[in-house]
PDB file of N, CA and C in Angstrom:
ATOM      1  N   MET A   1     166.135-162.349 -25.782  1.00  0.00           N
ATOM      2  CA  MET A   1     167.393-162.107 -25.748  1.00  0.00           C
ATOM      3  C   MET A   1     167.259-160.092 -26.154  1.00  0.00           C
ATOM      4  N   ASP A   2     168.221-159.308 -25.805  1.00  0.00           N
ATOM      5  CA  ASP A   2     167.961-158.247 -26.203  1.00  0.00           C
ATOM      6  C   ASP A   2     169.200-157.953 -27.055  1.00  0.00           C
ATOM      7  N   GLY A   3     169.592-156.710 -27.604  1.00  0.00           N
ATOM      8  CA  GLY A   3     170.551-156.242 -28.079  1.00  0.00           C
ATOM      9  C   GLY A   3     172.142-156.258 -27.750  1.00  0.00           C
ATOM     10  N   SER A   4     172.230-156.645 -26.398  1.00  0.00           N
ATOM     11  CA  SER A   4     173.625-156.934 -25.662  1.00  0.00           C
ATOM     12  C   SER A   4     173.608-158.612 -25.772  1.00  0.00           C
ATOM     13  N   GLY A   5     173.055-159.094 -26.276  1.00  0.00           N
ATOM     14  CA  GLY A   5     173.884-160.611 -26.282  1.00  0.00           C
ATOM     15  C   GLY A   5     174.393-160.867 -27.239  1.00  0.00           C
ATOM     16  N   ILE A   6     174.903-161.933 -27.369  1.00  0.00           N
ATOM     17  CA  ILE A   6     176.084-162.333 -28.688  1.00  0.00           C
ATOM     18  C   ILE A   6     175.110-163.610 -29.904  1.00  0.00           C
ATOM     19  N   PRO A   7     174.517-162.770 -30.756  1.00  0.00           N
ATOM     20  CA  PRO A   7     174.139-164.143 -31.569  1.00  0.00           C
ATOM     21  C   PRO A   7     175.213-164.731 -32.412  1.00  0.00           C
ATOM     22  N   ASN A   8     174.330-165.966 -32.911  1.00  0.00           N
ATOM     23  CA  ASN A   8     175.473-166.398 -33.889  1.00  0.00           C
ATOM     24  C   ASN A   8     175.450-166.142 -35.136  1.00  0.00           C
ATOM     25  N   PRO A   9     175.951-166.624 -36.370  1.00  0.00           N
ATOM     26  CA  PRO A   9     175.830-166.294 -37.926  1.00  0.00           C
ATOM     27  C   PRO A   9     174.879-167.186 -38.338  1.00  0.00           C
ATOM     28  N   GLY A  10     173.387-166.553 -39.073  1.00  0.00           N
ATOM     29  CA  GLY A  10     172.182-166.860 -39.587  1.00  0.00           C
ATOM     30  C   GLY A  10     171.278-166.652 -38.785  1.00  0.00           C
ATOM     31  N   MET A  11     171.722-166.222 -37.427  1.00  0.00           N
ATOM     32  CA  MET A  11     170.157-165.407 -37.120  1.00  0.00           C
ATOM     33  C   MET A  11     169.845-164.373 -37.699  1.00  0.00           C
ATOM     34  N   VAL A  12     168.384-164.149 -37.343  1.00  0.00           N
ATOM     35  CA  VAL A  12     167.592-162.765 -37.578  1.00  0.00           C
ATOM     36  C   VAL A  12     168.111-161.683 -36.664  1.00  0.00           C
ATOM     37  N   ILE A  13     168.446-160.258 -36.977  1.00  0.00           N
ATOM     38  CA  ILE A  13     168.526-159.773 -35.897  1.00  0.00           C
ATOM     39  C   ILE A  13     167.482-158.403 -36.443  1.00  0.00           C
ATOM     40  N   SER A  14     166.837-157.804 -35.285  1.00  0.00           N
ATOM     41  CA  SER A  14     165.720-156.922 -35.493  1.00  0.00           C
ATOM     42  C   SER A  14     166.173-155.580 -34.558  1.00  0.00           C
ATOM     43  N   PHE A  15     165.464-154.457 -35.455  1.00  0.00           N
ATOM     44  CA  PHE A  15     165.655-152.697 -34.824  1.00  0.00           C
ATOM     45  C   PHE A  15     165.102-152.605 -34.626  1.00  0.00           C
ATOM     46  N   ASP A  16     164.607-150.936 -33.941  1.00  0.00           N
ATOM     47  CA  ASP A  16     164.102-150.587 -33.613  1.00  0.00           C
ATOM     48  C   ASP A  16     164.161-149.492 -34.190  1.00  0.00           C
ATOM     49  N   TRP A  17     164.271-148.771 -35.069  1.00  0.00           N
ATOM     50  CA  TRP A  17     164.701-147.478 -35.952  1.00  0.00           C
ATOM     51  C   TRP A  17     163.667-146.615 -35.458  1.00  0.00           C
ATOM     52  N   ASN A  18     162.628-146.614 -35.352  1.00  0.00           N
ATOM     53  CA  ASN A  18     161.659-145.522 -34.799  1.00  0.00           C
ATOM     54  C   ASN A  18     161.648-145.320 -33.657  1.00  0.00           C
ATOM     55  N   ASN A  19     162.520-146.062 -33.048  1.00  0.00           N
ATOM     56  CA  ASN A  19     161.937-145.875 -31.011  1.00  0.00           C
ATOM     57  C   ASN A  19     160.047-146.146 -30.880  1.00  0.00           C
ATOM     58  N   VAL A  20     159.453-146.976 -30.937  1.00  0.00           N
ATOM     59  CA  VAL A  20     158.251-146.891 -31.353  1.00  0.00           C
ATOM     60  C   VAL A  20     158.166-147.874 -30.723  1.00  0.00           C
ATOM     61  N   ASN A  21     158.757-148.996 -30.165  1.00  0.00           N
ATOM     62  CA  ASN A  21     159.205-150.390 -28.659  1.00  0.00           C
ATOM     63  C   ASN A  21     159.202-151.318 -29.540  1.00  0.00           C
ATOM     64  N   PHE A  22     158.624-151.270 -31.118  1.00  0.00           N
ATOM     65  CA  PHE A  22     158.528-152.703 -31.956  1.00  0.00           C
ATOM     66  C   PHE A  22     159.421-153.127 -32.835  1.00  0.00           C
ATOM     67  N   ALA A  23     159.971-154.108 -33.353  1.00  0.00           N
ATOM     68  CA  ALA A  23     160.768-153.885 -34.248  1.00  0.00           C
ATOM     69  C   ALA A  23     160.030-153.987 -35.615  1.00  0.00           C
ATOM     70  N   ASP A  24     161.241-152.621 -36.374  1.00  0.00           N
ATOM     71  CA  ASP A  24     160.320-152.560 -37.814  1.00  0.00           C
ATOM     72  C   ASP A  24     161.472-152.256 -38.916  1.00  0.00           C
ATOM     73  N   HIS A  25     162.611-153.294 -38.497  1.00  0.00           N
ATOM     74  CA  HIS A  25     163.758-153.514 -39.230  1.00  0.00           C
ATOM     75  C   HIS A  25     164.155-154.884 -38.940  1.00  0.00           C
ATOM     76  N   TYR A  26     164.898-155.786 -40.413  1.00  0.00           N
ATOM     77  CA  TYR A  26     165.554-156.867 -39.685  1.00  0.00           C
ATOM     78  C   TYR A  26     166.570-156.934 -40.953  1.00  0.00           C
ATOM     79  N   GLY A  27     167.519-157.946 -40.170  1.00  0.00           N
ATOM     80  CA  GLY A  27     168.359-158.368 -40.956  1.00  0.00           C
ATOM     81  C   GLY A  27     169.162-159.822 -40.902  1.00  0.00           C
ATOM     82  N   ILE A  28     169.813-160.410 -41.550  1.00  0.00           N
ATOM     83  CA  ILE A  28     170.875-161.745 -41.039  1.00  0.00           C
ATOM     84  C   ILE A  28     172.202-161.520 -40.400  1.00  0.00           C
ATOM     85  N   VAL A  29     172.383-161.866 -39.487  1.00  0.00           N
ATOM     86  CA  VAL A  29     173.703-161.850 -38.531  1.00  0.00           C
ATOM     87  C   VAL A  29     174.302-163.056 -39.922  1.00  0.00           C
ATOM     88  N   GLU A  30     175.650-161.961 -40.094  1.00  0.00           N
ATOM     89  CA  GLU A  30     176.986-162.662 -41.176  1.00  0.00           C
ATOM     90  C   GLU A  30     177.898-163.183 -39.828  1.00  0.00           C
ATOM     91  N   LYS A  31     178.283-162.560 -39.088  1.00  0.00           N
ATOM     92  CA  LYS A  31     179.005-162.936 -38.247  1.00  0.00           C
ATOM     93  C   LYS A  31     179.484-162.219 -37.171  1.00  0.00           C
ATOM     94  N   VAL A  32     180.129-162.350 -36.362  1.00  0.00           N
ATOM     95  CA  VAL A  32     180.507-161.351 -34.908  1.00  0.00           C
ATOM     96  C   VAL A  32     182.021-161.557 -34.921  1.00  0.00           C
ATOM     97  N   GLU A  33     182.238-159.835 -34.793  1.00  0.00           N
ATOM     98  CA  GLU A  33     183.789-160.010 -34.541  1.00  0.00           C
ATOM     99  C   GLU A  33     184.380-158.543 -33.920  1.00  0.00           C
ATOM    100  N   ASN A  34     185.249-158.783 -32.593  1.00  0.00           N
ATOM    101  CA  ASN A  34     185.660-157.518 -32.095  1.00  0.00           C
ATOM    102  C   ASN A  34     184.428-156.497 -31.319  1.00  0.00           C
ATOM    103  N   GLY A  35     183.532-157.094 -31.013  1.00  0.00           N
ATOM    104  CA  GLY A  35     182.083-156.521 -30.502  1.00  0.00           C
ATOM    105  C   GLY A  35     181.285-155.967 -31.416  1.00  0.00           C
ATOM    106  N   TYR A  36     181.476-156.197 -32.770  1.00  0.00           N
ATOM    107  CA  TYR A  36     180.584-155.726 -33.788  1.00  0.00           C
ATOM    108  C   TYR A  36     179.917-156.867 -34.295  1.00  0.00           C
ATOM    109  N   VAL A  37     178.223-157.000 -34.232  1.00  0.00           N
ATOM    110  CA  VAL A  37     177.953-157.819 -35.301  1.00  0.00           C
ATOM    111  C   VAL A  37     177.694-157.162 -37.162  1.00  0.00           C
ATOM    112  N   TYR A  38     178.526-158.383 -37.929  1.00  0.00           N
ATOM    113  CA  TYR A  38     178.011-157.792 -39.585  1.00  0.00           C
ATOM    114  C   TYR A  38     176.649-158.376 -39.687  1.00  0.00           C
ATOM    115  N   THR A  39     175.833-157.515 -40.468  1.00  0.00           N
ATOM    116  CA  THR A  39     175.098-158.255 -41.090  1.00  0.00           C
ATOM    117  C   THR A  39     174.976-158.019 -42.332  1.00  0.00           C
ATOM    118  N   ILE A  40     173.393-158.346 -42.628  1.00  0.00           N
ATOM    119  CA  ILE A  40     173.271-158.640 -44.533  1.00  0.00           C
ATOM    120  C   ILE A  40     171.909-157.841 -44.143  1.00  0.00           C
ATOM    121  N   GLU A  41     171.195-156.772 -44.935  1.00  0.00           N
ATOM    122  CA  GLU A  41     169.888-156.063 -44.145  1.00  0.00           C
ATOM    123  C   GLU A  41     169.332-155.923 -45.951  1.00  0.00           C
ATOM    124  N   GLY A  42     167.734-155.930 -45.771  1.00  0.00           N
ATOM    125  CA  GLY A  42     167.423-155.416 -47.005  1.00  0.00           C
ATOM    126  C   GLY A  42     166.905-154.026 -47.210  1.00  0.00           C
ATOM    127  N   ASN A  43     167.352-153.347 -48.029  1.00  0.00           N
ATOM    128  CA  ASN A  43     166.268-152.028 -47.587  1.00  0.00           C
ATOM    129  C   ASN A  43     167.518-150.785 -46.884  1.00  0.00           C
ATOM    130  N   LEU A  44     168.538-151.125 -47.074  1.00  0.00           N
ATOM    131  CA  LEU A  44     169.447-150.632 -46.276  1.00  0.00           C
ATOM    132  C   LEU A  44     169.951-149.407 -47.356  1.00  0.00           C
ATOM    133  N   LYS A  45     169.502-148.049 -46.473  1.00  0.00           N
ATOM    134  CA  LYS A  45     170.053-147.458 -47.775  1.00  0.00           C
ATOM    135  C   LYS A  45     169.104-147.319 -49.007  1.00  0.00           C
ATOM    136  N   ASP A  46     168.645-148.094 -49.072  1.00  0.00           N
ATOM    137  CA  ASP A  46     167.515-148.248 -50.658  1.00  0.00           C
ATOM    138  C   ASP A  46     168.558-149.753 -51.423  1.00  0.00           C
ATOM    139  N   ALA A  47     168.654-150.344 -50.574  1.00  0.00           N
ATOM    140  CA  ALA A  47     169.867-151.287 -51.139  1.00  0.00           C
ATOM    141  C   ALA A  47     169.516-152.612 -50.295  1.00  0.00           C
ATOM    142  N   VAL A  48     170.678-153.851 -50.695  1.00  0.00           N
ATOM    143  CA  VAL A  48     170.505-154.617 -50.066  1.00  0.00           C
ATOM    144  C   VAL A  48     172.307-154.491 -49.890  1.00  0.00           C
ATOM    145  N   ARG A  49     172.209-154.021 -48.680  1.00  0.00           N
ATOM    146  CA  ARG A  49     173.917-154.502 -48.167  1.00  0.00           C
ATOM    147  C   ARG A  49     174.385-154.738 -46.931  1.00  0.00           C
ATOM    148  N   ARG A  50     175.343-154.610 -46.909  1.00  0.00           N
ATOM    149  CA  ARG A  50     176.624-155.234 -45.357  1.00  0.00           C
ATOM    150  C   ARG A  50     176.481-154.260 -44.507  1.00  0.00           C
ATOM    151  N   GLY A  51     176.214-154.683 -43.056  1.00  0.00           N
ATOM    152  CA  GLY A  51     175.892-153.465 -42.577  1.00  0.00           C
ATOM    153  C   GLY A  51     177.138-154.094 -40.812  1.00  0.00           C
ATOM    154  N   TYR A  52     176.835-153.435 -40.131  1.00  0.00           N
ATOM    155  CA  TYR A  52     177.711-153.968 -38.990  1.00  0.00           C
ATOM    156  C   TYR A  52     177.527-152.570 -38.138  1.00  0.00           C
ATOM    157  N   TRP A  53     176.899-153.644 -36.613  1.00  0.00           N
ATOM    158  CA  TRP A  53     176.484-152.263 -35.602  1.00  0.00           C
ATOM    159  C   TRP A  53     177.465-152.801 -34.515  1.00  0.00           C
ATOM    160  N   LYS A  54     177.495-152.256 -33.658  1.00  0.00           N
ATOM    161  CA  LYS A  54     178.125-152.636 -31.837  1.00  0.00           C
ATOM    162  C   LYS A  54     177.238-153.262 -31.314  1.00  0.00           C
ATOM    163  N   ILE A  55     177.781-154.370 -30.676  1.00  0.00           N
ATOM    164  CA  ILE A  55     177.189-154.898 -29.812  1.00  0.00           C
ATOM    165  C   ILE A  55     176.690-154.331 -28.752  1.00  0.00           C
ATOM    166  N   GLY A  56     175.080-154.249 -28.654  1.00  0.00           N
ATOM    167  CA  GLY A  56     174.064-153.639 -27.596  1.00  0.00           C
ATOM    168  C   GLY A  56     173.905-152.227 -27.851  1.00  0.00           C
ATOM    169  N   ASN A  57     174.016-151.831 -29.720  1.00  0.00           N
ATOM    170  CA  ASN A  57     174.019-150.859 -29.636  1.00  0.00           C
ATOM    171  C   ASN A  57     171.903-151.043 -29.529  1.00  0.00           C
ATOM    172  N   GLU A  58     171.627-149.732 -29.468  1.00  0.00           N
ATOM    173  CA  GLU A  58     170.566-149.140 -28.517  1.00  0.00           C
ATOM    174  C   GLU A  58     169.197-149.690 -29.592  1.00  0.00           C
ATOM    175  N   GLN A  59     168.937-149.353 -30.490  1.00  0.00           N
ATOM    176  CA  GLN A  59     168.246-150.056 -32.033  1.00  0.00           C
ATOM    177  C   GLN A  59     168.363-150.935 -32.503  1.00  0.00           C
ATOM    178  N   ILE A  60     169.324-152.099 -31.765  1.00  0.00           N
ATOM    179  CA  ILE A  60     168.648-153.606 -31.531  1.00  0.00           C
ATOM    180  C   ILE A  60     167.686-154.086 -30.885  1.00  0.00           C
ATOM    181  N   MET A  61     166.806-154.617 -31.518  1.00  0.00           N
ATOM    182  CA  MET A  61     166.242-155.287 -29.907  1.00  0.00           C
ATOM    183  C   MET A  61     166.300-156.689 -29.152  1.00  0.00           C
ATOM    184  N   GLY A  62     167.096-157.655 -30.946  1.00  0.00           N
ATOM    185  CA  GLY A  62     167.392-158.705 -29.957  1.00  0.00           C
ATOM    186  C   GLY A  62     167.469-159.773 -31.547  1.00  0.00           C
ATOM    187  N   TYR A  63     167.968-160.689 -30.968  1.00  0.00           N
ATOM    188  CA  TYR A  63     168.487-161.478 -31.960  1.00  0.00           C
ATOM    189  C   TYR A  63     166.949-163.006 -32.470  1.00  0.00           C
ATOM    190  N   GLY A  64     167.238-163.718 -33.121  1.00  0.00           N
ATOM    191  CA  GLY A  64     166.402-165.168 -33.262  1.00  0.00           C
ATOM    192  C   GLY A  64     166.293-166.047 -34.520  1.00  0.00           C
ATOM    193  N   TRP A  65     166.289-167.270 -34.488  1.00  0.00           N
ATOM    194  CA  TRP A  65     166.274-168.015 -35.076  1.00  0.00           C
ATOM    195  C   TRP A  65     164.607-168.249 -36.053  1.00  0.00           C
ATOM    196  N   ILE A  66     164.753-168.549 -37.393  1.00  0.00           N
ATOM    197  CA  ILE A  66     162.979-168.638 -37.737  1.00  0.00           C
ATOM    198  C   ILE A  66     163.286-169.641 -38.302  1.00  0.00           C
ATOM    199  N   SER A  67     162.272-170.477 -37.723  1.00  0.00           N
ATOM    200  CA  SER A  67     162.045-172.051 -37.592  1.00  0.00           C
ATOM    201  C   SER A  67     160.618-172.148 -38.887  1.00  0.00           C
TER     202      SER A  67
END
C-alpha cells in the first residue's frame, strides 16, 4: 500500500521525510477523517505529538500492521 491508501486505526504509518526513497520516520494511525490521517508520532518537533496528514501526501510511504 502506498500513501494514497486509506489506513485503519492502529496501523503504522511510514514517512520518507528526507526524500531518500526509504522510510525514515514512523507513527501510529489514530483515526482517518475527511481525507486526513491523524497520527501519534515520536520525535515530532522533538516530542511525542499528534499530527495530521492529507491522504496521498508525497511524504507518506505507506501503512502496515506490526505482528
